[in-house]
N, C-alpha and C. Protein backbone atom coordinates (compact mmCIF):
# COMPACT_ATOMS: atom_id res chain seq x y z
N GLN A 1 -50.88 18.70 -53.21
CA GLN A 1 -50.15 17.46 -53.35
C GLN A 1 -49.50 17.07 -52.03
N ALA A 2 -50.26 17.09 -50.98
CA ALA A 2 -49.72 16.71 -49.68
C ALA A 2 -49.64 15.19 -49.58
N SER A 3 -48.66 14.71 -48.87
CA SER A 3 -48.46 13.28 -48.71
C SER A 3 -48.33 12.93 -47.24
N ARG A 4 -48.40 11.63 -46.93
CA ARG A 4 -48.29 11.19 -45.54
C ARG A 4 -46.87 11.24 -45.03
N SER A 5 -46.73 11.22 -43.70
CA SER A 5 -45.43 11.25 -43.05
C SER A 5 -44.52 10.15 -43.56
N ALA A 6 -43.25 10.48 -43.72
CA ALA A 6 -42.20 9.55 -44.15
C ALA A 6 -42.34 9.15 -45.62
N ALA A 7 -43.38 9.61 -46.29
CA ALA A 7 -43.54 9.28 -47.70
C ALA A 7 -42.41 9.86 -48.53
N ILE A 8 -41.84 10.97 -48.07
CA ILE A 8 -40.77 11.60 -48.83
C ILE A 8 -39.57 10.66 -48.97
N ASP A 9 -39.32 9.84 -47.96
CA ASP A 9 -38.19 8.91 -48.00
C ASP A 9 -38.40 7.80 -49.05
N LYS A 10 -39.63 7.55 -49.41
CA LYS A 10 -39.91 6.54 -50.44
C LYS A 10 -39.58 7.07 -51.83
N ASN A 11 -39.64 8.39 -51.99
CA ASN A 11 -39.45 8.99 -53.31
C ASN A 11 -38.12 9.72 -53.49
N TYR A 12 -37.45 10.05 -52.37
CA TYR A 12 -36.24 10.85 -52.44
C TYR A 12 -35.17 10.31 -51.49
N ASP A 13 -33.91 10.36 -51.95
CA ASP A 13 -32.76 10.13 -51.08
C ASP A 13 -32.27 11.50 -50.66
N ILE A 14 -32.44 11.84 -49.38
CA ILE A 14 -32.05 13.16 -48.88
C ILE A 14 -30.67 13.05 -48.24
N GLU A 15 -29.76 13.92 -48.68
CA GLU A 15 -28.41 13.92 -48.14
C GLU A 15 -28.38 14.55 -46.75
N LYS A 16 -27.38 14.20 -45.97
CA LYS A 16 -27.26 14.71 -44.60
C LYS A 16 -26.80 16.17 -44.57
N SER A 17 -25.91 16.52 -45.49
CA SER A 17 -25.36 17.87 -45.48
C SER A 17 -26.39 18.89 -45.94
N GLN A 18 -26.23 20.12 -45.45
CA GLN A 18 -27.18 21.19 -45.76
C GLN A 18 -26.67 22.07 -46.89
N LEU A 19 -27.58 22.49 -47.75
CA LEU A 19 -27.27 23.49 -48.77
C LEU A 19 -27.39 24.89 -48.17
N GLY A 20 -28.26 25.01 -47.17
CA GLY A 20 -28.48 26.30 -46.52
C GLY A 20 -29.40 26.15 -45.34
N SER A 21 -29.52 27.22 -44.55
CA SER A 21 -30.41 27.19 -43.39
C SER A 21 -30.88 28.59 -43.06
N GLY A 22 -31.99 28.64 -42.31
CA GLY A 22 -32.56 29.91 -41.88
C GLY A 22 -33.09 29.78 -40.47
N ASN A 23 -33.97 30.69 -40.07
CA ASN A 23 -34.49 30.68 -38.71
C ASN A 23 -35.32 29.45 -38.38
N PHE A 24 -36.06 28.93 -39.34
CA PHE A 24 -36.95 27.80 -39.05
C PHE A 24 -36.87 26.70 -40.10
N ALA A 25 -35.87 26.73 -40.97
CA ALA A 25 -35.79 25.72 -42.02
C ALA A 25 -34.34 25.43 -42.40
N VAL A 26 -34.14 24.23 -42.93
CA VAL A 26 -32.86 23.87 -43.55
C VAL A 26 -33.18 23.37 -44.95
N VAL A 27 -32.21 23.50 -45.84
CA VAL A 27 -32.37 23.03 -47.22
C VAL A 27 -31.30 21.99 -47.48
N LYS A 28 -31.73 20.84 -47.99
CA LYS A 28 -30.82 19.74 -48.27
C LYS A 28 -30.96 19.28 -49.71
N LEU A 29 -29.87 18.75 -50.24
CA LEU A 29 -29.87 18.17 -51.57
C LEU A 29 -30.51 16.79 -51.51
N ALA A 30 -31.28 16.47 -52.53
CA ALA A 30 -31.93 15.16 -52.59
C ALA A 30 -31.93 14.66 -54.02
N THR A 31 -32.04 13.34 -54.16
CA THR A 31 -32.13 12.70 -55.47
C THR A 31 -33.48 12.00 -55.58
N TYR A 32 -34.17 12.25 -56.69
CA TYR A 32 -35.48 11.64 -56.90
C TYR A 32 -35.30 10.17 -57.26
N LYS A 33 -35.98 9.29 -56.52
CA LYS A 33 -35.88 7.84 -56.75
C LYS A 33 -36.98 7.33 -57.68
N GLY A 34 -37.99 8.16 -57.90
CA GLY A 34 -39.12 7.71 -58.71
C GLY A 34 -40.26 7.29 -57.79
N PRO A 35 -41.32 6.80 -58.30
CA PRO A 35 -41.61 6.57 -59.72
C PRO A 35 -42.05 7.85 -60.39
N GLU A 36 -42.01 7.86 -61.72
CA GLU A 36 -42.53 9.01 -62.44
C GLU A 36 -44.04 9.05 -62.21
N LYS A 37 -44.55 10.24 -61.90
CA LYS A 37 -45.98 10.37 -61.63
C LYS A 37 -46.50 11.67 -62.20
N SER A 38 -47.78 11.70 -62.46
CA SER A 38 -48.37 12.88 -63.07
C SER A 38 -48.30 14.05 -62.10
N GLY A 39 -48.05 15.22 -62.63
CA GLY A 39 -47.97 16.42 -61.81
C GLY A 39 -46.59 16.69 -61.26
N VAL A 40 -45.68 15.73 -61.35
CA VAL A 40 -44.31 15.91 -60.86
C VAL A 40 -43.37 15.66 -62.04
N PRO A 41 -42.81 16.75 -62.61
CA PRO A 41 -41.98 16.61 -63.82
C PRO A 41 -40.55 16.18 -63.52
N LEU A 42 -40.39 15.10 -62.77
CA LEU A 42 -39.07 14.62 -62.39
C LEU A 42 -38.85 13.22 -62.92
N LYS A 43 -37.60 12.92 -63.23
CA LYS A 43 -37.21 11.57 -63.65
C LYS A 43 -36.26 11.01 -62.61
N LYS A 44 -36.20 9.70 -62.51
CA LYS A 44 -35.31 9.04 -61.57
C LYS A 44 -33.89 9.58 -61.74
N GLY A 45 -33.28 9.95 -60.62
CA GLY A 45 -31.92 10.48 -60.64
C GLY A 45 -31.83 11.99 -60.66
N ASP A 46 -32.95 12.68 -60.88
CA ASP A 46 -32.94 14.15 -60.88
C ASP A 46 -32.59 14.67 -59.49
N LYS A 47 -31.79 15.73 -59.46
CA LYS A 47 -31.40 16.38 -58.21
C LYS A 47 -32.39 17.50 -57.90
N VAL A 48 -32.81 17.57 -56.65
CA VAL A 48 -33.73 18.61 -56.20
C VAL A 48 -33.23 19.13 -54.85
N ALA A 49 -33.85 20.20 -54.39
CA ALA A 49 -33.60 20.69 -53.04
C ALA A 49 -34.85 20.43 -52.21
N VAL A 50 -34.65 20.06 -50.96
CA VAL A 50 -35.77 19.83 -50.04
C VAL A 50 -35.66 20.84 -48.91
N LYS A 51 -36.65 21.71 -48.80
CA LYS A 51 -36.70 22.69 -47.72
C LYS A 51 -37.49 22.07 -46.58
N GLN A 52 -36.81 21.83 -45.47
CA GLN A 52 -37.42 21.19 -44.30
C GLN A 52 -37.76 22.27 -43.27
N ILE A 53 -39.04 22.53 -43.10
CA ILE A 53 -39.52 23.58 -42.21
C ILE A 53 -39.94 22.97 -40.89
N ASP A 54 -39.33 23.42 -39.80
CA ASP A 54 -39.65 22.94 -38.45
C ASP A 54 -40.85 23.72 -37.93
N LYS A 55 -42.00 23.05 -37.84
CA LYS A 55 -43.24 23.72 -37.43
C LYS A 55 -43.14 24.35 -36.04
N ALA A 56 -42.34 23.74 -35.15
CA ALA A 56 -42.21 24.26 -33.78
C ALA A 56 -41.53 25.62 -33.76
N LYS A 57 -40.74 25.94 -34.77
CA LYS A 57 -40.01 27.20 -34.81
C LYS A 57 -40.74 28.29 -35.58
N VAL A 58 -41.85 27.95 -36.21
CA VAL A 58 -42.60 28.92 -37.01
C VAL A 58 -43.61 29.63 -36.12
N GLU A 59 -43.52 30.97 -36.08
CA GLU A 59 -44.45 31.74 -35.24
C GLU A 59 -45.86 31.77 -35.83
N ASP A 60 -45.95 31.93 -37.14
CA ASP A 60 -47.25 32.05 -37.80
C ASP A 60 -47.28 31.14 -39.03
N MET A 61 -47.99 30.02 -38.92
CA MET A 61 -48.06 29.07 -40.03
C MET A 61 -48.72 29.68 -41.27
N ASN A 62 -49.49 30.76 -41.08
CA ASN A 62 -50.08 31.43 -42.23
C ASN A 62 -49.00 31.95 -43.18
N ASP A 63 -47.85 32.35 -42.62
CA ASP A 63 -46.75 32.82 -43.46
C ASP A 63 -46.26 31.69 -44.36
N ILE A 64 -46.16 30.48 -43.81
CA ILE A 64 -45.70 29.32 -44.58
C ILE A 64 -46.75 28.96 -45.63
N THR A 65 -48.00 28.97 -45.23
CA THR A 65 -49.10 28.67 -46.16
C THR A 65 -49.10 29.64 -47.32
N ARG A 66 -48.91 30.92 -47.02
CA ARG A 66 -48.89 31.95 -48.06
C ARG A 66 -47.70 31.74 -49.01
N GLU A 67 -46.53 31.42 -48.45
CA GLU A 67 -45.35 31.17 -49.29
C GLU A 67 -45.61 30.00 -50.24
N ILE A 68 -46.21 28.93 -49.72
CA ILE A 68 -46.51 27.75 -50.54
C ILE A 68 -47.50 28.11 -51.64
N GLU A 69 -48.54 28.86 -51.29
CA GLU A 69 -49.55 29.25 -52.29
C GLU A 69 -48.93 30.09 -53.40
N ILE A 70 -48.04 31.01 -53.03
CA ILE A 70 -47.38 31.84 -54.04
C ILE A 70 -46.51 30.98 -54.94
N MET A 71 -45.76 30.05 -54.36
CA MET A 71 -44.90 29.18 -55.16
C MET A 71 -45.71 28.29 -56.09
N GLN A 72 -46.87 27.81 -55.62
CA GLN A 72 -47.72 26.95 -56.44
C GLN A 72 -48.28 27.71 -57.64
N ASN A 73 -48.50 29.00 -57.47
CA ASN A 73 -49.15 29.80 -58.51
C ASN A 73 -48.19 30.60 -59.37
N THR A 74 -46.89 30.49 -59.12
CA THR A 74 -45.90 31.25 -59.86
C THR A 74 -45.10 30.33 -60.76
N LYS A 75 -45.16 30.57 -62.04
CA LYS A 75 -44.39 29.81 -63.02
C LYS A 75 -43.53 30.82 -63.79
N HIS A 76 -42.26 30.89 -63.46
CA HIS A 76 -41.35 31.83 -64.10
C HIS A 76 -39.94 31.28 -64.04
N PRO A 77 -39.13 31.47 -65.09
CA PRO A 77 -37.78 30.90 -65.10
C PRO A 77 -36.86 31.42 -63.99
N ASN A 78 -37.16 32.58 -63.42
CA ASN A 78 -36.32 33.14 -62.36
C ASN A 78 -36.84 32.87 -60.95
N VAL A 79 -37.89 32.05 -60.86
CA VAL A 79 -38.47 31.69 -59.55
C VAL A 79 -38.41 30.17 -59.41
N ILE A 80 -37.96 29.69 -58.25
CA ILE A 80 -37.87 28.23 -58.07
C ILE A 80 -39.24 27.58 -58.21
N THR A 81 -39.24 26.36 -58.70
CA THR A 81 -40.47 25.60 -58.92
C THR A 81 -40.72 24.67 -57.74
N LEU A 82 -41.92 24.72 -57.21
CA LEU A 82 -42.33 23.82 -56.13
C LEU A 82 -42.92 22.56 -56.76
N PHE A 83 -42.26 21.41 -56.53
CA PHE A 83 -42.72 20.15 -57.12
C PHE A 83 -43.71 19.41 -56.23
N GLU A 84 -43.38 19.29 -54.95
CA GLU A 84 -44.22 18.51 -54.03
C GLU A 84 -44.15 19.09 -52.62
N ILE A 85 -45.20 18.81 -51.84
CA ILE A 85 -45.26 19.22 -50.43
C ILE A 85 -45.55 17.98 -49.60
N TYR A 86 -44.74 17.78 -48.58
CA TYR A 86 -44.96 16.69 -47.63
C TYR A 86 -45.25 17.34 -46.28
N ASP A 87 -46.51 17.35 -45.90
CA ASP A 87 -46.94 17.97 -44.64
C ASP A 87 -46.99 16.88 -43.57
N GLU A 88 -46.01 16.92 -42.67
CA GLU A 88 -45.88 15.92 -41.62
C GLU A 88 -46.23 16.55 -40.28
N PRO A 89 -46.42 15.74 -39.24
CA PRO A 89 -46.82 16.31 -37.94
C PRO A 89 -45.86 17.39 -37.40
N LYS A 90 -44.55 17.19 -37.53
CA LYS A 90 -43.60 18.13 -36.94
C LYS A 90 -42.93 19.06 -37.95
N ARG A 91 -43.07 18.73 -39.22
CA ARG A 91 -42.43 19.59 -40.21
C ARG A 91 -43.13 19.49 -41.56
N ILE A 92 -42.86 20.50 -42.37
CA ILE A 92 -43.31 20.52 -43.76
C ILE A 92 -42.05 20.40 -44.60
N GLN A 93 -42.08 19.55 -45.60
CA GLN A 93 -40.94 19.39 -46.49
C GLN A 93 -41.38 19.75 -47.90
N ASN A 94 -40.78 20.79 -48.44
CA ASN A 94 -41.10 21.25 -49.79
C ASN A 94 -39.99 20.81 -50.74
N VAL A 95 -40.37 20.12 -51.78
CA VAL A 95 -39.41 19.69 -52.80
C VAL A 95 -39.42 20.76 -53.89
N VAL A 96 -38.26 21.37 -54.11
CA VAL A 96 -38.17 22.47 -55.07
C VAL A 96 -37.06 22.22 -56.07
N HIS A 97 -37.13 22.96 -57.16
CA HIS A 97 -36.09 22.90 -58.19
C HIS A 97 -34.76 23.33 -57.59
N ARG A 98 -33.71 22.62 -57.96
CA ARG A 98 -32.38 22.99 -57.49
C ARG A 98 -31.68 23.76 -58.59
N ASP A 99 -31.30 24.99 -58.32
CA ASP A 99 -30.59 25.81 -59.30
C ASP A 99 -29.17 25.30 -59.41
N LEU A 100 -28.79 24.84 -60.59
CA LEU A 100 -27.47 24.24 -60.78
C LEU A 100 -26.40 25.26 -61.14
N LYS A 101 -26.73 26.53 -61.16
CA LYS A 101 -25.75 27.58 -61.53
C LYS A 101 -24.78 27.84 -60.40
């Protein structure tokens, strides 16, 4: 479910503040703007987390690819759900379930 650059801004309002950060990624809170579409179980107004991965800081993109493949194939209540992937020239943005606990 890869999309074109900047397409994420059409579907999500991403907040400026960070929920967390790591060596090559930051996680931000976002709100789904819609539209409802097949394969994405979100409704307008749903809160999600967006993991923004800076490709320039990733040593081995295979690690990122493997992480995405595992998330796509894992459906379990204790594992975050990957909703969408936005593969852009400089970064990958993964839209994931936001744990409200």
